[in-house]
């Protein structure tokens, strides 16, 4: 992996910035790679557009902004619509299938699409707020951008009181990614 660019995008309150933070920390602190994360969100604390951009590299990251996304994790239709044009050839879109609809006729032939029922999985686990960890698990399983072990460590460090449920959500996301493999 020379340089891998990912974007988690959705609306405020979905935890997309937290998912990006966990991924960047796992790659840099536990996997021995270089990583940056930048974030953008509207003035609203909940409901406004937000995103977290993560760049992971084996070499120092000299510019922290994304240029062509290798992976877009879209948790809202607006996020997908806004950023789908930035996906590189051979890129991957991981999307929340209950909130994002991508008609087959609108899909690029040079991009892989993987729908994940993150919200439903989080509700089944009894923690609707952990949908971001489900998406993160799917992204990690599909892209191999960070090691599952590294992500687990960051989840334990970042969520000391909610470690168990967030780890369950992360593992559920990995399972969903394996079950939807194309």
Foldseek 3Di string as FASTA:
>chain_A
DAKAKEKEKEWALLCQQVLQVLLQCLLVVPVVWHKDKDKDWDPDNTGTIIMIMMMTHNDHDPDHDDQAHQEYEYEAQVSCVVCVVRHDFLHEYEYQVVHHDQDPVNDDPRYHYHYDPLQVVCVVLVHSSLSSLLSSLLCCLVPVSGDPVSSLVSLCVVCVPCSVSSNVSSVNSNVSNVVRPD
